[in-house]
C-alpha atoms as a PDB file:
ATOM      1  CA  MET A   1     -93.183 -14.251  -2.548  1.00  0.00           C
ATOM      2  CA  LYS A   2     -92.503 -10.574  -3.461  1.00  0.00           C
ATOM      3  CA  VAL A   3     -89.636  -8.255  -1.849  1.00  0.00           C
ATOM      4  CA  LYS A   4     -89.183  -4.377  -1.910  1.00  0.00           C
ATOM      5  CA  ILE A   5     -86.036  -2.272  -1.947  1.00  0.00           C
ATOM      6  CA  VAL A   6     -85.939  -0.467   0.796  1.00  0.00           C
ATOM      7  CA  ASP A   7     -82.335   1.020   1.550  1.00  0.00           C
ATOM      8  CA  PHE A   8     -80.915   1.855  -2.304  1.00  0.00           C
ATOM      9  CA  SER A   9     -77.488   2.945  -0.842  1.00  0.00           C
ATOM     10  CA  LEU A  10     -76.822  -0.505   0.659  1.00  0.00           C
ATOM     11  CA  PHE A  11     -78.763  -2.201  -2.278  1.00  0.00           C
ATOM     12  CA  LYS A  12     -76.228  -0.877  -4.392  1.00  0.00           C
ATOM     13  CA  GLU A  13     -73.266  -1.543  -2.066  1.00  0.00           C
ATOM     14  CA  SER A  14     -74.014  -4.999  -1.707  1.00  0.00           C
ATOM     15  CA  ASN A  15     -74.957  -5.994  -5.046  1.00  0.00           C
ATOM     16  CA  GLY A  16     -72.666  -3.951  -7.419  1.00  0.00           C
ATOM     17  CA  TYR A  17     -76.079  -2.496  -9.209  1.00  0.00           C
ATOM     18  CA  GLU A  18     -76.575   1.094 -10.097  1.00  0.00           C
ATOM     19  CA  PHE A  19     -79.915   2.586 -11.085  1.00  0.00           C
ATOM     20  CA  ALA A  20     -81.429   6.077 -10.882  1.00  0.00           C
ATOM     21  CA  ARG A  21     -84.145   6.002  -8.774  1.00  0.00           C
ATOM     22  CA  GLU A  22     -87.657   7.172  -9.384  1.00  0.00           C
ATOM     23  CA  LEU A  23     -89.341   8.730  -6.029  1.00  0.00           C
ATOM     24  CA  GLU A  24     -92.512   8.047  -7.699  1.00  0.00           C
ATOM     25  CA  MET A  25     -92.070   4.191  -8.323  1.00  0.00           C
ATOM     26  CA  GLU A  26     -91.957   1.410  -5.751  1.00  0.00           C
ATOM     27  CA  TYR A  27     -89.242  -1.183  -6.535  1.00  0.00           C
ATOM     28  CA  ILE A  28     -91.559  -4.332  -6.009  1.00  0.00           C
ATOM     29  CA  SER A  29     -90.605  -7.738  -7.573  1.00  0.00           C
ATOM     30  CA  GLU A  30     -91.407 -11.152  -7.538  1.00  0.00           C
ATOM     31  CA  VAL A  31     -88.778 -13.758  -6.442  1.00  0.00           C
ATOM     32  CA  TYR A  32     -88.182 -16.307  -9.136  1.00  0.00           C
ATOM     33  CA  ALA A  33     -85.920 -18.555  -6.948  1.00  0.00           C
ATOM     34  CA  ILE A  34     -83.663 -18.605  -4.419  1.00  0.00           C
ATOM     35  CA  VAL A  35     -80.354 -19.792  -4.228  1.00  0.00           C
ATOM     36  CA  LYS A  36     -78.067 -19.963  -0.533  1.00  0.00           C
ATOM     37  CA  THR A  37     -74.418 -20.063  -1.157  1.00  0.00           C
ATOM     38  CA  GLN A  38     -71.785 -20.712   1.403  1.00  0.00           C
ATOM     39  CA  LYS A  39     -72.465 -16.699   2.569  1.00  0.00           C
ATOM     40  CA  TYR A  40     -75.412 -15.419   1.284  1.00  0.00           C
ATOM     41  CA  SER A  41     -78.993 -16.275  -0.100  1.00  0.00           C
ATOM     42  CA  LEU A  42     -79.812 -14.952  -3.185  1.00  0.00           C
ATOM     43  CA  VAL A  43     -82.823 -14.025  -4.706  1.00  0.00           C
ATOM     44  CA  LEU A  44     -83.588 -13.903  -8.565  1.00  0.00           C
ATOM     45  CA  LEU A  45     -85.442 -10.881  -9.024  1.00  0.00           C
ATOM     46  CA  TYR A  46     -87.019  -8.947 -12.507  1.00  0.00           C
ATOM     47  CA  PHE A  47     -87.100  -5.348 -12.595  1.00  0.00           C
ATOM     48  CA  SER A  48     -89.012  -5.110 -15.695  1.00  0.00           C
ATOM     49  CA  ALA A  49     -88.546  -0.626 -15.785  1.00  0.00           C
ATOM     50  CA  LEU A  50     -85.121  -1.512 -15.703  1.00  0.00           C
ATOM     51  CA  GLN A  51     -84.986  -4.742 -17.864  1.00  0.00           C
ATOM     52  CA  ALA A  52     -82.579  -6.255 -15.030  1.00  0.00           C
ATOM     53  CA  LEU A  53     -82.437 -10.266 -14.376  1.00  0.00           C
ATOM     54  CA  HIS A  54     -80.634 -11.056 -12.149  1.00  0.00           C
ATOM     55  CA  LEU A  55     -79.612 -12.953  -8.437  1.00  0.00           C
ATOM     56  CA  PHE A  56     -79.692  -9.938  -6.060  1.00  0.00           C
ATOM     57  CA  THR A  57     -78.428 -10.677  -1.683  1.00  0.00           C
ATOM     58  CA  LEU A  58     -80.610 -10.651   0.718  1.00  0.00           C
ATOM     59  CA  ASN A  59     -80.355  -8.624   3.139  1.00  0.00           C
ATOM     60  CA  ASP A  60     -81.706  -5.121   5.141  1.00  0.00           C
ATOM     61  CA  SER A  61     -81.645  -3.862   1.321  1.00  0.00           C
ATOM     62  CA  LEU A  62     -84.407  -6.109   0.665  1.00  0.00           C
ATOM     63  CA  GLN A  63     -87.984  -6.111   2.749  1.00  0.00           C
ATOM     64  CA  ILE A  64     -89.807  -9.657   2.381  1.00  0.00           C
ATOM     65  CA  ILE A  65     -93.328  -8.083   1.756  1.00  0.00           C
ATOM     66  CA  ASP A  66     -95.343 -11.429   0.605  1.00  0.00           C
ATOM     67  CA  ASN A  67     -93.715 -14.511   1.990  1.00  0.00           C
ATOM     68  CA  SER A  68     -95.736 -16.954   0.210  1.00  0.00           C
ATOM     69  CA  GLU A  69     -94.258 -19.868  -1.180  1.00  0.00           C
ATOM     70  CA  ASN A  70     -94.924 -21.242  -4.751  1.00  0.00           C
ATOM     71  CA  GLY A  71     -95.732 -24.779  -4.159  1.00  0.00           C
ATOM     72  CA  ASN A  72     -94.604 -25.916  -7.523  1.00  0.00           C
ATOM     73  CA  TRP A  73     -90.952 -25.270  -7.029  1.00  0.00           C
ATOM     74  CA  LEU A  74     -87.940 -27.942  -6.360  1.00  0.00           C
ATOM     75  CA  LYS A  75     -85.583 -27.252  -3.804  1.00  0.00           C
ATOM     76  CA  VAL A  76     -82.395 -28.961  -4.166  1.00  0.00           C
ATOM     77  CA  ARG A  77     -79.071 -29.425  -1.852  1.00  0.00           C
ATOM     78  CA  ASN A  78     -75.760 -29.358  -3.951  1.00  0.00           C
ATOM     79  CA  PHE A  79     -76.851 -28.154  -6.957  1.00  0.00           C
ATOM     80  CA  ASP A  80     -73.962 -28.114  -9.743  1.00  0.00           C
ATOM     81  CA  GLY A  81     -74.304 -26.383 -13.143  1.00  0.00           C
ATOM     82  CA  GLY A  82     -72.165 -24.685 -15.498  1.00  0.00           C
ATOM     83  CA  ASP A  83     -71.548 -24.788 -19.351  1.00  0.00           C
ATOM     84  CA  TYR A  84     -68.608 -24.107 -21.368  1.00  0.00           C
ATOM     85  CA  ILE A  85     -67.900 -20.594 -22.535  1.00  0.00           C
ATOM     86  CA  PHE A  86     -66.687 -20.163 -26.071  1.00  0.00           C
ATOM     87  CA  SER A  87     -63.717 -17.096 -26.656  1.00  0.00           C
ATOM     88  CA  ASN A  88     -60.936 -16.230 -28.884  1.00  0.00           C
ATOM     89  CA  GLY A  89     -58.626 -18.508 -27.267  1.00  0.00           C
ATOM     90  CA  GLY A  90     -60.723 -21.344 -27.496  1.00  0.00           C
ATOM     91  CA  ALA A  91     -62.954 -22.507 -24.516  1.00  0.00           C
ATOM     92  CA  TYR A  92     -63.210 -22.888 -21.023  1.00  0.00           C
ATOM     93  CA  TYR A  93     -66.192 -24.611 -18.783  1.00  0.00           C
ATOM     94  CA  GLN A  94     -67.408 -22.320 -16.212  1.00  0.00           C
ATOM     95  CA  HIS A  95     -68.697 -23.941 -13.141  1.00  0.00           C
ATOM     96  CA  TYR A  96     -71.061 -22.704 -10.636  1.00  0.00           C
ATOM     97  CA  ARG A  97     -71.506 -24.328  -6.981  1.00  0.00           C
ATOM     98  CA  TYR A  98     -74.740 -23.546  -4.941  1.00  0.00           C
ATOM     99  CA  LYS A  99     -75.199 -25.103  -1.155  1.00  0.00           C
ATOM    100  CA  GLU A 100     -79.327 -25.141  -1.845  1.00  0.00           C
ATOM    101  CA  VAL A 101     -81.369 -23.733  -4.975  1.00  0.00           C
ATOM    102  CA  TYR A 102     -85.078 -23.334  -4.581  1.00  0.00           C
ATOM    103  CA  SER A 103     -86.758 -22.535  -8.079  1.00  0.00           C
ATOM    104  CA  PRO A 104     -88.701 -23.571 -10.642  1.00  0.00           C
ATOM    105  CA  GLU A 105     -87.905 -27.236 -12.225  1.00  0.00           C
ATOM    106  CA  TRP A 106     -87.242 -26.148 -15.625  1.00  0.00           C
ATOM    107  CA  MET A 107     -84.151 -23.667 -13.762  1.00  0.00           C
ATOM    108  CA  ILE A 108     -82.725 -27.162 -12.801  1.00  0.00           C
ATOM    109  CA  LEU A 109     -82.623 -28.795 -15.442  1.00  0.00           C
ATOM    110  CA  ASP A 110     -80.925 -26.297 -17.265  1.00  0.00           C
ATOM    111  CA  LYS A 111     -77.748 -26.548 -15.552  1.00  0.00           C
ATOM    112  CA  SER A 112     -76.301 -23.716 -17.576  1.00  0.00           C
ATOM    113  CA  PHE A 113     -79.473 -20.595 -16.577  1.00  0.00           C
ATOM    114  CA  PHE A 114     -77.798 -19.931 -13.412  1.00  0.00           C
ATOM    115  CA  MET A 115     -74.114 -19.492 -14.904  1.00  0.00           C
ATOM    116  CA  GLU A 116     -76.093 -17.412 -18.019  1.00  0.00           C
ATOM    117  CA  LEU A 117     -77.143 -14.921 -15.382  1.00  0.00           C
ATOM    118  CA  TYR A 118     -73.763 -13.502 -15.479  1.00  0.00           C
ATOM    119  CA  GLU A 119     -71.998 -15.048 -18.307  1.00  0.00           C
ATOM    120  CA  LYS A 120     -74.534 -14.745 -21.073  1.00  0.00           C
ATOM    121  CA  PRO A 121     -77.623 -12.632 -19.668  1.00  0.00           C
ATOM    122  CA  ASP A 122     -79.427 -12.470 -23.070  1.00  0.00           C
ATOM    123  CA  ILE A 123     -79.965 -16.587 -23.119  1.00  0.00           C
ATOM    124  CA  ALA A 124     -80.741 -16.470 -19.167  1.00  0.00           C
ATOM    125  CA  LYS A 125     -83.503 -13.715 -20.435  1.00  0.00           C
ATOM    126  CA  GLU A 126     -84.554 -14.803 -22.962  1.00  0.00           C
ATOM    127  CA  LYS A 127     -84.871 -18.362 -21.734  1.00  0.00           C
ATOM    128  CA  PHE A 128     -86.354 -16.636 -18.389  1.00  0.00           C
ATOM    129  CA  PHE A 129     -89.351 -15.235 -20.936  1.00  0.00           C
ATOM    130  CA  HIS A 130     -89.755 -18.358 -22.412  1.00  0.00           C
ATOM    131  CA  HIS A 131     -90.510 -20.389 -19.690  1.00  0.00           C
ATOM    132  CA  GLU A 132     -92.339 -17.599 -17.038  1.00  0.00           C
ATOM    133  CA  GLY A 133     -94.458 -15.558 -19.972  1.00  0.00           C
ATOM    134  CA  THR A 134     -93.518 -12.820 -21.682  1.00  0.00           C
ATOM    135  CA  SER A 135     -96.541 -10.803 -19.586  1.00  0.00           C
ATOM    136  CA  MET A 136     -93.530  -8.685 -18.066  1.00  0.00           C
ATOM    137  CA  ILE A 137     -91.684  -7.451 -21.232  1.00  0.00           C
ATOM    138  CA  LYS A 138     -92.760  -3.819 -21.225  1.00  0.00           C
END
């Protein structure tokens, strides 16, 4: 599955993610996972020019340009994941619960990956490139 950003202002508003738009560049990305919460559908995208790996809201700001599904992905309902976050004052467990996750098996087995996208993005990127390949790094 591939998506393209078609409405930059809605994309910024719905995701809180802003980047300078280069007019000659098309912002197209493979979808690496689909996550459903109670309110939203999210897609895991990687924009190599921006070095951005993040879960983005799937709404009218994104246009699906290739709807082919990956036959190797797993679908899990009621996904529970998380990990301990260590800070100066100690540690706490950060818990994430999703209604449904459709992704490669390694993301589901690694219960901390989706939490790390938000809390430890460098670790999430390292795991992502390890499993999905380094050919995307520019």
